[in-house]
Each structure stands twice: as C-alpha cells, then as structure tokens.
Amino acid sequence: SELGRRIHKKRSHRQKCVDLHGLMHAILDRRAAGESVVFTNGCFDLLHAGHVRCLEEAAGLGDVLIVAINSDGSVRRLKGAGRPLVEQDRRAAMLAGLECVDYVVVFDEATPHRLLQTLRPDVLVKGGTYGTEEVVGAEIVLGYGGRVHVTSAIDGLSTTELVRTIRDAAPRSDGTAPSMKLLVT
C-alpha cells in the first residue's frame, strides 16, 4: 500500500482531475486500504497563499485530500457577473498541480451537499473565519459522525480583495497608473 501511495503522489494534474464516478471508485479503493478522506470546496478563482495554506493544513488531517470546485456557472451564480476570472478547467489544473491535493472534482450546484452525501468524507475543511456551525455542509458530515475543521486565515488575503486591488490598479483616466500593492506571504 505504501508503494501505491507513492505512485499515486507522482500522478500528473490531469490524472488528479476526475468526475464524480471516477472519484467514487478511487475513494472506495483508498478506504479499503484504511485511508481517511478529507474534503474541501470553493471557487478557487485566483489561487493565492491563503488557499495553499488551507489546502496544506487540510491534507495533514487525513490521507486523501479531495478539492471540489464550483463550476463556472456556479461561480457566476454565487459571485456575479465577471466571475470566475479563471475558467474551471484551468482552476482544476492549478489545484491538481499542488502536491498536497489528491483529487479535484467540479460541481455545478450552489453547495457541495450532494458530494458530501455521496462521498461521506471523514473530515470537512473550510478555510477562513467561519465558525464550525457556519460551514456549508457541516450538518451532513457531523450527522454521520465526521469532523469539521476550520483552518486559519491570512488576514487581508482573499480572492475578493485581490480582485478589488487589481481593479483599483487599472489605469486612471488621466493615463497614470496607481501603485499596486498586493499582500505576498
């Protein structure tokens, strides 16, 4: 099983991007090997240091990390016109390129409820300033005996803030460009 895990970690990002059917089979195999499953979800529109920190922390809470991303249509419905900035296949590829991520799946619904009910992860993780009771889907995971974990956030770093900073940095009508200050950690 150790050899299988090492080979699994060496997969390309394309092999990590799966549909729900493929993910279900992979998770059944991993659970049969005694591995625990961690699940997180989000838009991941602009991948930033806060996302990476959250994903690395999530990966440390179990053996298999599943990242579910909102489809382009779902992001538009949640965030409004002009979003996502990065299309779903590219967002999935970026996330799958991270060593700590085992699987990436795209979902079209507003919430990950259907995925949580189907996959039944051992741990549901959300990054940010949420309380456990505010995490979407917590009631599902807690209902079957799973755990909910909220990772720490990096103050002042969010996709919404990054988008605002970039938009504010657009050239002014007088042709001058304002200074662009992005938080880098």
N, C-alpha and C. Protein backbone atom coordinates (compact mmCIF):
# COMPACT_ATOMS: atom_id res chain seq x y z
N SER A 1 0.83 -1.20 0.00
CA SER A 1 0.00 0.00 0.00
C SER A 1 0.87 1.26 0.00
N GLU A 2 2.05 1.18 0.65
CA GLU A 2 2.94 2.35 0.67
C GLU A 2 3.44 2.65 -0.74
N LEU A 3 3.78 1.62 -1.50
CA LEU A 3 4.23 1.81 -2.88
C LEU A 3 3.11 2.43 -3.72
N GLY A 4 1.89 1.96 -3.52
CA GLY A 4 0.75 2.52 -4.25
C GLY A 4 0.55 4.00 -3.95
N ARG A 5 0.71 4.39 -2.68
CA ARG A 5 0.57 5.80 -2.30
C ARG A 5 1.67 6.64 -2.94
N ARG A 6 2.89 6.12 -3.00
CA ARG A 6 3.99 6.88 -3.61
C ARG A 6 3.76 7.06 -5.11
N ILE A 7 3.29 6.03 -5.78
CA ILE A 7 2.99 6.13 -7.20
C ILE A 7 1.85 7.11 -7.40
N HIS A 8 0.83 7.03 -6.54
CA HIS A 8 -0.32 7.93 -6.62
C HIS A 8 0.12 9.39 -6.54
N LYS A 9 1.05 9.72 -5.66
CA LYS A 9 1.51 11.10 -5.48
C LYS A 9 2.26 11.61 -6.70
N LYS A 10 2.75 10.75 -7.56
CA LYS A 10 3.53 11.15 -8.73
C LYS A 10 2.66 11.34 -9.97
N ARG A 11 1.35 11.27 -9.82
CA ARG A 11 0.46 11.43 -10.96
C ARG A 11 0.47 12.86 -11.48
N SER A 12 0.15 13.01 -12.76
CA SER A 12 0.06 14.35 -13.35
C SER A 12 -1.24 15.01 -12.90
N HIS A 13 -1.32 16.33 -13.12
CA HIS A 13 -2.54 17.04 -12.74
C HIS A 13 -3.75 16.52 -13.50
N ARG A 14 -3.55 16.04 -14.72
CA ARG A 14 -4.68 15.50 -15.50
C ARG A 14 -5.27 14.25 -14.85
N GLN A 15 -4.42 13.45 -14.23
CA GLN A 15 -4.89 12.24 -13.57
C GLN A 15 -5.61 12.53 -12.26
N LYS A 16 -5.36 13.69 -11.69
CA LYS A 16 -6.00 14.06 -10.43
C LYS A 16 -7.38 14.69 -10.64
N CYS A 17 -7.64 15.20 -11.83
CA CYS A 17 -8.94 15.81 -12.14
C CYS A 17 -9.89 14.70 -12.58
N VAL A 18 -10.91 14.48 -11.80
CA VAL A 18 -11.80 13.34 -12.03
C VAL A 18 -13.26 13.79 -12.00
N ASP A 19 -14.13 12.95 -12.56
CA ASP A 19 -15.56 13.19 -12.42
C ASP A 19 -16.04 12.44 -11.17
N LEU A 20 -17.28 12.62 -10.80
CA LEU A 20 -17.78 12.02 -9.57
C LEU A 20 -17.70 10.50 -9.61
N HIS A 21 -18.01 9.90 -10.75
CA HIS A 21 -17.96 8.44 -10.86
C HIS A 21 -16.54 7.92 -10.60
N GLY A 22 -15.56 8.52 -11.26
CA GLY A 22 -14.17 8.11 -11.06
C GLY A 22 -13.70 8.35 -9.64
N LEU A 23 -14.14 9.46 -9.06
CA LEU A 23 -13.77 9.79 -7.70
C LEU A 23 -14.34 8.77 -6.71
N MET A 24 -15.58 8.37 -6.91
CA MET A 24 -16.20 7.38 -6.02
C MET A 24 -15.41 6.08 -6.02
N HIS A 25 -14.99 5.62 -7.19
CA HIS A 25 -14.21 4.38 -7.27
C HIS A 25 -12.86 4.53 -6.59
N ALA A 26 -12.21 5.66 -6.83
CA ALA A 26 -10.90 5.89 -6.21
C ALA A 26 -11.01 5.93 -4.69
N ILE A 27 -12.04 6.57 -4.19
CA ILE A 27 -12.22 6.70 -2.75
C ILE A 27 -12.55 5.34 -2.12
N LEU A 28 -13.33 4.53 -2.81
CA LEU A 28 -13.60 3.18 -2.30
C LEU A 28 -12.31 2.39 -2.15
N ASP A 29 -11.43 2.49 -3.14
CA ASP A 29 -10.14 1.80 -3.09
C ASP A 29 -9.28 2.32 -1.94
N ARG A 30 -9.25 3.62 -1.78
CA ARG A 30 -8.41 4.23 -0.74
C ARG A 30 -8.96 3.88 0.65
N ARG A 31 -10.27 3.86 0.79
CA ARG A 31 -10.86 3.50 2.09
C ARG A 31 -10.60 2.02 2.40
N ALA A 32 -10.65 1.19 1.37
CA ALA A 32 -10.37 -0.24 1.56
C ALA A 32 -8.94 -0.44 2.07
N ALA A 33 -8.05 0.50 1.74
CA ALA A 33 -6.67 0.44 2.21
C ALA A 33 -6.52 1.08 3.59
N GLY A 34 -7.66 1.51 4.18
CA GLY A 34 -7.64 2.06 5.52
C GLY A 34 -7.33 3.55 5.59
N GLU A 35 -7.42 4.24 4.47
CA GLU A 35 -7.08 5.66 4.44
C GLU A 35 -8.30 6.53 4.77
N SER A 36 -8.04 7.66 5.39
CA SER A 36 -9.11 8.59 5.73
C SER A 36 -9.20 9.68 4.66
N VAL A 37 -10.42 10.20 4.48
CA VAL A 37 -10.70 11.13 3.39
C VAL A 37 -11.03 12.52 3.96
N VAL A 38 -10.36 13.53 3.40
CA VAL A 38 -10.58 14.92 3.76
C VAL A 38 -11.15 15.62 2.53
N PHE A 39 -12.12 16.50 2.75
CA PHE A 39 -12.82 17.17 1.67
C PHE A 39 -12.85 18.67 1.94
N THR A 40 -12.58 19.46 0.92
CA THR A 40 -12.78 20.90 1.00
C THR A 40 -13.34 21.36 -0.33
N ASN A 41 -13.93 22.53 -0.33
CA ASN A 41 -14.54 23.03 -1.56
C ASN A 41 -14.47 24.54 -1.62
N GLY A 42 -14.66 25.07 -2.82
CA GLY A 42 -14.69 26.51 -3.00
C GLY A 42 -14.58 26.87 -4.46
N CYS A 43 -14.56 28.16 -4.72
CA CYS A 43 -14.44 28.65 -6.10
C CYS A 43 -12.98 28.60 -6.58
N PHE A 44 -12.05 28.94 -5.69
CA PHE A 44 -10.62 28.96 -6.02
C PHE A 44 -10.38 29.73 -7.32
N ASP A 45 -11.00 30.90 -7.41
CA ASP A 45 -10.94 31.69 -8.64
C ASP A 45 -9.55 32.22 -8.93
N LEU A 46 -8.89 32.76 -7.95
CA LEU A 46 -7.49 33.16 -8.07
C LEU A 46 -6.74 32.45 -6.95
N LEU A 47 -5.94 31.49 -7.30
CA LEU A 47 -5.20 30.73 -6.30
C LEU A 47 -4.20 31.66 -5.61
N HIS A 48 -4.24 31.70 -4.27
CA HIS A 48 -3.34 32.57 -3.52
C HIS A 48 -2.80 31.84 -2.29
N ALA A 49 -1.91 32.51 -1.56
CA ALA A 49 -1.24 31.90 -0.41
C ALA A 49 -2.22 31.39 0.64
N GLY A 50 -3.34 32.06 0.82
CA GLY A 50 -4.34 31.59 1.77
C GLY A 50 -4.92 30.25 1.37
N HIS A 51 -5.17 30.07 0.08
CA HIS A 51 -5.65 28.77 -0.41
C HIS A 51 -4.62 27.68 -0.16
N VAL A 52 -3.38 27.97 -0.51
CA VAL A 52 -2.31 26.97 -0.37
C VAL A 52 -2.16 26.57 1.10
N ARG A 53 -2.18 27.55 1.98
CA ARG A 53 -2.06 27.23 3.41
C ARG A 53 -3.23 26.35 3.86
N CYS A 54 -4.44 26.69 3.46
CA CYS A 54 -5.62 25.91 3.82
C CYS A 54 -5.52 24.48 3.29
N LEU A 55 -5.11 24.33 2.04
CA LEU A 55 -5.01 23.00 1.44
C LEU A 55 -3.93 22.16 2.09
N GLU A 56 -2.81 22.77 2.41
CA GLU A 56 -1.76 22.01 3.09
C GLU A 56 -2.20 21.57 4.48
N GLU A 57 -2.89 22.45 5.19
CA GLU A 57 -3.41 22.10 6.51
C GLU A 57 -4.45 20.99 6.38
N ALA A 58 -5.33 21.11 5.40
CA ALA A 58 -6.36 20.09 5.18
C ALA A 58 -5.73 18.73 4.89
N ALA A 59 -4.71 18.72 4.04
CA ALA A 59 -4.05 17.46 3.68
C ALA A 59 -3.45 16.76 4.91
N GLY A 60 -3.04 17.54 5.88
CA GLY A 60 -2.46 16.97 7.09
C GLY A 60 -3.48 16.35 8.03
N LEU A 61 -4.76 16.51 7.73
CA LEU A 61 -5.82 15.98 8.59
C LEU A 61 -6.28 14.59 8.19
N GLY A 62 -5.69 14.03 7.15
CA GLY A 62 -6.07 12.70 6.69
C GLY A 62 -5.10 12.20 5.64
N ASP A 63 -5.52 11.16 4.93
CA ASP A 63 -4.64 10.54 3.94
C ASP A 63 -4.92 10.98 2.52
N VAL A 64 -6.16 11.34 2.22
CA VAL A 64 -6.59 11.68 0.87
C VAL A 64 -7.29 13.03 0.90
N LEU A 65 -6.83 13.98 0.08
CA LEU A 65 -7.49 15.29 0.03
C LEU A 65 -8.23 15.46 -1.28
N ILE A 66 -9.54 15.65 -1.17
CA ILE A 66 -10.41 15.95 -2.30
C ILE A 66 -10.72 17.44 -2.28
N VAL A 67 -10.52 18.10 -3.43
CA VAL A 67 -10.88 19.51 -3.56
C VAL A 67 -12.00 19.58 -4.59
N ALA A 68 -13.16 20.05 -4.16
CA ALA A 68 -14.30 20.22 -5.06
C ALA A 68 -14.40 21.70 -5.42
N ILE A 69 -14.41 22.00 -6.71
CA ILE A 69 -14.50 23.40 -7.13
C ILE A 69 -15.83 23.66 -7.82
N ASN A 70 -16.34 24.86 -7.57
CA ASN A 70 -17.57 25.29 -8.23
C ASN A 70 -17.32 25.43 -9.73
N SER A 71 -18.27 24.98 -10.52
CA SER A 71 -18.19 25.15 -11.97
C SER A 71 -18.25 26.62 -12.31
N ASP A 72 -17.94 26.96 -13.55
CA ASP A 72 -18.02 28.36 -13.98
C ASP A 72 -19.42 28.93 -13.76
N GLY A 73 -20.45 28.17 -14.13
CA GLY A 73 -21.82 28.63 -13.94
C GLY A 73 -22.16 28.84 -12.48
N SER A 74 -21.71 27.94 -11.63
CA SER A 74 -21.96 28.05 -10.20
C SER A 74 -21.27 29.28 -9.62
N VAL A 75 -20.04 29.55 -10.06
CA VAL A 75 -19.32 30.74 -9.58
C VAL A 75 -20.07 32.00 -10.00
N ARG A 76 -20.53 32.04 -11.25
CA ARG A 76 -21.29 33.22 -11.72
C ARG A 76 -22.54 33.44 -10.86
N ARG A 77 -23.24 32.34 -10.55
CA ARG A 77 -24.45 32.46 -9.74
C ARG A 77 -24.13 32.93 -8.32
N LEU A 78 -22.99 32.51 -7.78
CA LEU A 78 -22.61 32.89 -6.42
C LEU A 78 -21.95 34.25 -6.33
N LYS A 79 -21.09 34.57 -7.29
CA LYS A 79 -20.24 35.78 -7.20
C LYS A 79 -20.68 36.91 -8.12
N GLY A 80 -21.51 36.61 -9.11
CA GLY A 80 -21.99 37.65 -10.01
C GLY A 80 -21.23 37.72 -11.32
N ALA A 81 -21.67 38.65 -12.16
CA ALA A 81 -21.07 38.83 -13.49
C ALA A 81 -19.58 39.17 -13.34
N GLY A 82 -18.82 38.72 -14.29
CA GLY A 82 -17.39 38.99 -14.25
C GLY A 82 -16.59 37.92 -13.53
N ARG A 83 -17.25 36.98 -12.93
CA ARG A 83 -16.57 35.89 -12.25
C ARG A 83 -17.07 34.59 -12.85
N PRO A 84 -16.30 33.57 -12.95
CA PRO A 84 -14.92 33.49 -12.48
C PRO A 84 -13.96 34.22 -13.42
N LEU A 85 -12.81 34.54 -12.89
CA LEU A 85 -11.76 35.14 -13.70
C LEU A 85 -10.98 34.07 -14.45
N VAL A 86 -10.93 32.89 -13.87
CA VAL A 86 -10.21 31.76 -14.46
C VAL A 86 -11.22 30.63 -14.67
N GLU A 87 -11.26 30.06 -15.87
CA GLU A 87 -12.24 29.02 -16.17
C GLU A 87 -11.96 27.75 -15.37
N GLN A 88 -13.01 26.94 -15.20
CA GLN A 88 -12.96 25.79 -14.30
C GLN A 88 -11.87 24.79 -14.63
N ASP A 89 -11.61 24.49 -15.90
CA ASP A 89 -10.58 23.51 -16.23
C ASP A 89 -9.20 24.00 -15.81
N ARG A 90 -8.97 25.30 -15.93
CA ARG A 90 -7.67 25.86 -15.53
C ARG A 90 -7.56 25.94 -14.01
N ARG A 91 -8.66 26.28 -13.35
CA ARG A 91 -8.65 26.27 -11.88
C ARG A 91 -8.37 24.87 -11.35
N ALA A 92 -9.03 23.89 -11.96
CA ALA A 92 -8.82 22.49 -11.55
C ALA A 92 -7.37 22.07 -11.78
N ALA A 93 -6.81 22.43 -12.91
CA ALA A 93 -5.42 22.06 -13.22
C ALA A 93 -4.45 22.69 -12.22
N MET A 94 -4.67 23.95 -11.87
CA MET A 94 -3.79 24.60 -10.89
C MET A 94 -3.83 23.88 -9.55
N LEU A 95 -5.02 23.55 -9.09
CA LEU A 95 -5.16 22.87 -7.81
C LEU A 95 -4.57 21.47 -7.86
N ALA A 96 -4.81 20.76 -8.96
CA ALA A 96 -4.28 19.41 -9.10
C ALA A 96 -2.76 19.41 -9.16
N GLY A 97 -2.17 20.53 -9.57
CA GLY A 97 -0.72 20.64 -9.63
C GLY A 97 -0.06 20.74 -8.26
N LEU A 98 -0.85 20.97 -7.23
CA LEU A 98 -0.30 21.04 -5.87
C LEU A 98 -0.08 19.63 -5.33
N GLU A 99 1.06 19.40 -4.76
CA GLU A 99 1.40 18.07 -4.24
C GLU A 99 0.42 17.59 -3.18
N CYS A 100 -0.10 18.50 -2.37
CA CYS A 100 -0.97 18.10 -1.26
C CYS A 100 -2.36 17.68 -1.71
N VAL A 101 -2.73 17.96 -2.95
CA VAL A 101 -4.07 17.65 -3.46
C VAL A 101 -4.06 16.30 -4.17
N ASP A 102 -5.00 15.42 -3.80
CA ASP A 102 -5.08 14.09 -4.42
C ASP A 102 -6.08 14.04 -5.56
N TYR A 103 -7.24 14.70 -5.39
CA TYR A 103 -8.28 14.68 -6.42
C TYR A 103 -8.96 16.04 -6.50
N VAL A 104 -9.34 16.41 -7.72
CA VAL A 104 -10.13 17.63 -7.93
C VAL A 104 -11.36 17.23 -8.72
N VAL A 105 -12.51 17.68 -8.25
CA VAL A 105 -13.77 17.40 -8.92
C VAL A 105 -14.53 18.71 -9.05
N VAL A 106 -15.23 18.90 -10.16
CA VAL A 106 -16.01 20.11 -10.40
C VAL A 106 -17.48 19.79 -10.11
N PHE A 107 -18.16 20.72 -9.41
CA PHE A 107 -19.59 20.54 -9.18
C PHE A 107 -20.34 21.80 -9.60
N ASP A 108 -21.59 21.63 -10.03
CA ASP A 108 -22.35 22.73 -10.60
C ASP A 108 -23.38 23.33 -9.64
N GLU A 109 -23.63 22.67 -8.55
CA GLU A 109 -24.63 23.15 -7.59
C GLU A 109 -24.07 24.32 -6.78
N ALA A 110 -24.96 24.99 -6.05
CA ALA A 110 -24.54 26.11 -5.20
C ALA A 110 -23.80 25.63 -3.96
N THR A 111 -24.12 24.41 -3.52
CA THR A 111 -23.49 23.84 -2.32
C THR A 111 -22.91 22.47 -2.65
N PRO A 112 -21.99 21.99 -1.82
CA PRO A 112 -21.42 20.66 -2.04
C PRO A 112 -22.22 19.54 -1.38
N HIS A 113 -23.46 19.80 -1.00
CA HIS A 113 -24.25 18.82 -0.25
C HIS A 113 -24.30 17.45 -0.93
N ARG A 114 -24.58 17.42 -2.23
CA ARG A 114 -24.68 16.13 -2.93
C ARG A 114 -23.35 15.37 -2.86
N LEU A 115 -22.25 16.07 -3.05
CA LEU A 115 -20.94 15.42 -2.97
C LEU A 115 -20.68 14.89 -1.56
N LEU A 116 -21.00 15.67 -0.57
CA LEU A 116 -20.78 15.23 0.81
C LEU A 116 -21.62 14.00 1.14
N GLN A 117 -22.87 13.99 0.69
CA GLN A 117 -23.74 12.84 0.95
C GLN A 117 -23.24 11.59 0.22
N THR A 118 -22.68 11.77 -0.96
CA THR A 118 -22.20 10.65 -1.76
C THR A 118 -20.85 10.14 -1.26
N LEU A 119 -19.92 11.04 -1.01
CA LEU A 119 -18.55 10.66 -0.67
C LEU A 119 -18.33 10.39 0.82
N ARG A 120 -19.12 11.03 1.67
CA ARG A 120 -19.03 10.87 3.12
C ARG A 120 -17.59 10.98 3.64
N PRO A 121 -16.97 12.14 3.42
CA PRO A 121 -15.59 12.30 3.90
C PRO A 121 -15.51 12.23 5.42
N ASP A 122 -14.35 11.84 5.90
CA ASP A 122 -14.13 11.78 7.35
C ASP A 122 -14.01 13.18 7.94
N VAL A 123 -13.44 14.10 7.15
CA VAL A 123 -13.24 15.47 7.62
C VAL A 123 -13.65 16.44 6.52
N LEU A 124 -14.44 17.44 6.89
CA LEU A 124 -14.80 18.55 6.01
C LEU A 124 -14.00 19.76 6.47
N VAL A 125 -13.26 20.38 5.55
CA VAL A 125 -12.40 21.51 5.91
C VAL A 125 -12.84 22.75 5.15
N LYS A 126 -12.83 23.88 5.85
CA LYS A 126 -13.09 25.17 5.22
C LYS A 126 -12.08 26.15 5.77
N GLY A 127 -11.55 26.97 4.90
CA GLY A 127 -10.59 27.97 5.33
C GLY A 127 -11.28 29.28 5.59
N GLY A 128 -10.76 30.04 6.51
CA GLY A 128 -11.30 31.37 6.72
C GLY A 128 -11.72 31.65 8.13
N THR A 129 -12.68 32.51 8.25
CA THR A 129 -13.12 33.00 9.56
C THR A 129 -14.47 32.43 9.96
N TYR A 130 -14.84 31.30 9.41
CA TYR A 130 -16.12 30.67 9.73
C TYR A 130 -16.07 30.01 11.10
N GLY A 131 -17.24 29.95 11.74
CA GLY A 131 -17.40 29.07 12.88
C GLY A 131 -17.82 27.72 12.32
N THR A 132 -17.59 26.66 13.06
CA THR A 132 -17.93 25.32 12.58
C THR A 132 -19.38 25.25 12.11
N GLU A 133 -20.28 25.87 12.86
CA GLU A 133 -21.70 25.82 12.52
C GLU A 133 -22.03 26.58 11.26
N GLU A 134 -21.12 27.45 10.78
CA GLU A 134 -21.35 28.23 9.56
C GLU A 134 -20.85 27.55 8.30
N VAL A 135 -20.11 26.47 8.44
CA VAL A 135 -19.54 25.78 7.29
C VAL A 135 -20.66 25.06 6.54
N VAL A 136 -20.81 25.37 5.27
CA VAL A 136 -21.85 24.75 4.46
C VAL A 136 -21.59 23.24 4.37
N GLY A 137 -22.57 22.46 4.74
CA GLY A 137 -22.45 21.01 4.72
C GLY A 137 -22.02 20.41 6.04
N ALA A 138 -21.72 21.23 7.02
CA ALA A 138 -21.29 20.71 8.33
C ALA A 138 -22.33 19.77 8.92
N GLU A 139 -23.58 20.13 8.77
CA GLU A 139 -24.65 19.30 9.35
C GLU A 139 -24.67 17.90 8.74
N ILE A 140 -24.29 17.78 7.49
CA ILE A 140 -24.25 16.47 6.83
C ILE A 140 -23.12 15.63 7.41
N VAL A 141 -21.93 16.21 7.44
CA VAL A 141 -20.74 15.48 7.90
C VAL A 141 -20.86 15.14 9.39
N LEU A 142 -21.27 16.09 10.19
CA LEU A 142 -21.44 15.82 11.62
C LEU A 142 -22.54 14.78 11.86
N GLY A 143 -23.55 14.78 10.98
CA GLY A 143 -24.67 13.86 11.11
C GLY A 143 -24.29 12.39 11.00
N TYR A 144 -23.26 12.07 10.23
CA TYR A 144 -22.84 10.67 10.13
C TYR A 144 -21.57 10.40 10.95
N GLY A 145 -21.16 11.36 11.80
CA GLY A 145 -20.04 11.13 12.69
C GLY A 145 -18.70 11.65 12.21
N GLY A 146 -18.70 12.42 11.11
CA GLY A 146 -17.46 13.01 10.63
C GLY A 146 -17.10 14.26 11.41
N ARG A 147 -15.96 14.86 11.05
CA ARG A 147 -15.49 16.06 11.73
C ARG A 147 -15.49 17.25 10.79
N VAL A 148 -15.59 18.45 11.35
CA VAL A 148 -15.49 19.70 10.60
C VAL A 148 -14.32 20.48 11.18
N HIS A 149 -13.46 20.98 10.30
CA HIS A 149 -12.28 21.73 10.73
C HIS A 149 -12.20 23.03 9.95
N VAL A 150 -11.98 24.14 10.66
CA VAL A 150 -11.80 25.44 10.03
C VAL A 150 -10.33 25.82 10.17
N THR A 151 -9.68 26.06 9.03
CA THR A 151 -8.27 26.44 9.06
C THR A 151 -8.13 27.93 9.36
N SER A 152 -6.93 28.31 9.69
CA SER A 152 -6.68 29.73 9.95
C SER A 152 -6.63 30.50 8.64
N ALA A 153 -6.94 31.77 8.71
CA ALA A 153 -6.93 32.63 7.52
C ALA A 153 -5.72 33.56 7.59
N ILE A 154 -5.29 34.04 6.44
CA ILE A 154 -4.26 35.07 6.39
C ILE A 154 -5.01 36.39 6.30
N ASP A 155 -4.84 37.22 7.30
CA ASP A 155 -5.56 38.50 7.35
C ASP A 155 -5.35 39.30 6.08
N GLY A 156 -6.46 39.81 5.55
CA GLY A 156 -6.41 40.70 4.40
C GLY A 156 -6.19 40.01 3.07
N LEU A 157 -6.17 38.70 3.07
CA LEU A 157 -5.92 37.98 1.81
C LEU A 157 -7.14 37.14 1.45
N SER A 158 -7.83 37.57 0.40
CA SER A 158 -8.96 36.82 -0.13
C SER A 158 -9.04 37.10 -1.62
N THR A 159 -9.70 36.23 -2.34
CA THR A 159 -9.85 36.45 -3.77
C THR A 159 -10.58 37.76 -4.04
N THR A 160 -11.63 38.03 -3.26
CA THR A 160 -12.38 39.26 -3.45
C THR A 160 -11.48 40.48 -3.27
N GLU A 161 -10.63 40.45 -2.26
CA GLU A 161 -9.71 41.57 -2.03
C GLU A 161 -8.68 41.68 -3.15
N LEU A 162 -8.18 40.55 -3.63
CA LEU A 162 -7.22 40.58 -4.74
C LEU A 162 -7.85 41.17 -5.99
N VAL A 163 -9.08 40.76 -6.29
CA VAL A 163 -9.79 41.28 -7.47
C VAL A 163 -9.97 42.79 -7.31
N ARG A 164 -10.38 43.23 -6.14
CA ARG A 164 -10.57 44.66 -5.89
C ARG A 164 -9.25 45.42 -6.08
N THR A 165 -8.16 44.89 -5.57
CA THR A 165 -6.85 45.53 -5.70
C THR A 165 -6.45 45.65 -7.16
N ILE A 166 -6.66 44.58 -7.92
CA ILE A 166 -6.31 44.59 -9.34
C ILE A 166 -7.17 45.60 -10.10
N ARG A 167 -8.47 45.60 -9.82
CA ARG A 167 -9.37 46.55 -10.50
C ARG A 167 -9.04 47.99 -10.13
N ASP A 168 -8.69 48.21 -8.86
CA ASP A 168 -8.33 49.55 -8.42
C ASP A 168 -7.01 50.01 -9.06
N ALA A 169 -6.19 49.05 -9.49
CA ALA A 169 -4.90 49.39 -10.07
C ALA A 169 -4.99 49.68 -11.56
N ALA A 170 -6.18 49.59 -12.13
CA ALA A 170 -6.36 49.88 -13.56
C ALA A 170 -5.94 51.32 -13.83
N PRO A 171 -5.44 51.59 -15.01
CA PRO A 171 -5.00 52.96 -15.33
C PRO A 171 -6.12 53.96 -15.10
N ARG A 172 -5.75 55.10 -14.58
CA ARG A 172 -6.71 56.19 -14.34
C ARG A 172 -7.03 56.89 -15.65
N SER A 173 -8.09 57.64 -15.63
CA SER A 173 -8.50 58.36 -16.84
C SER A 173 -7.45 59.36 -17.31
N ASP A 174 -6.57 59.80 -16.41
CA ASP A 174 -5.52 60.73 -16.81
C ASP A 174 -4.29 60.02 -17.38
N GLY A 175 -4.39 58.68 -17.49
CA GLY A 175 -3.31 57.91 -18.09
C GLY A 175 -2.27 57.42 -17.10
N THR A 176 -2.33 57.85 -15.85
CA THR A 176 -1.36 57.38 -14.86
C THR A 176 -1.88 56.11 -14.21
N ALA A 177 -0.96 55.32 -13.76
CA ALA A 177 -1.32 54.07 -13.10
C ALA A 177 -1.09 54.21 -11.61
N PRO A 178 -2.08 53.83 -10.80
CA PRO A 178 -1.87 53.86 -9.36
C PRO A 178 -0.89 52.77 -8.95
N SER A 179 -0.30 52.92 -7.80
CA SER A 179 0.60 51.86 -7.33
C SER A 179 -0.24 50.65 -6.97
N MET A 180 0.30 49.47 -7.21
CA MET A 180 -0.42 48.24 -6.93
C MET A 180 0.28 47.53 -5.78
N LYS A 181 -0.40 47.37 -4.69
CA LYS A 181 0.18 46.75 -3.51
C LYS A 181 -0.58 45.46 -3.22
N LEU A 182 0.04 44.32 -3.48
CA LEU A 182 -0.57 43.03 -3.19
C LEU A 182 0.12 42.41 -1.99
N LEU A 183 -0.64 41.80 -1.12
CA LEU A 183 -0.08 41.13 0.02
C LEU A 183 0.57 39.85 -0.43
N VAL A 184 1.83 39.70 -0.16
CA VAL A 184 2.55 38.48 -0.51
C VAL A 184 3.14 37.90 0.75
N THR A 185 2.87 36.63 0.99
CA THR A 185 3.43 35.98 2.17
C THR A 185 4.24 34.79 1.78
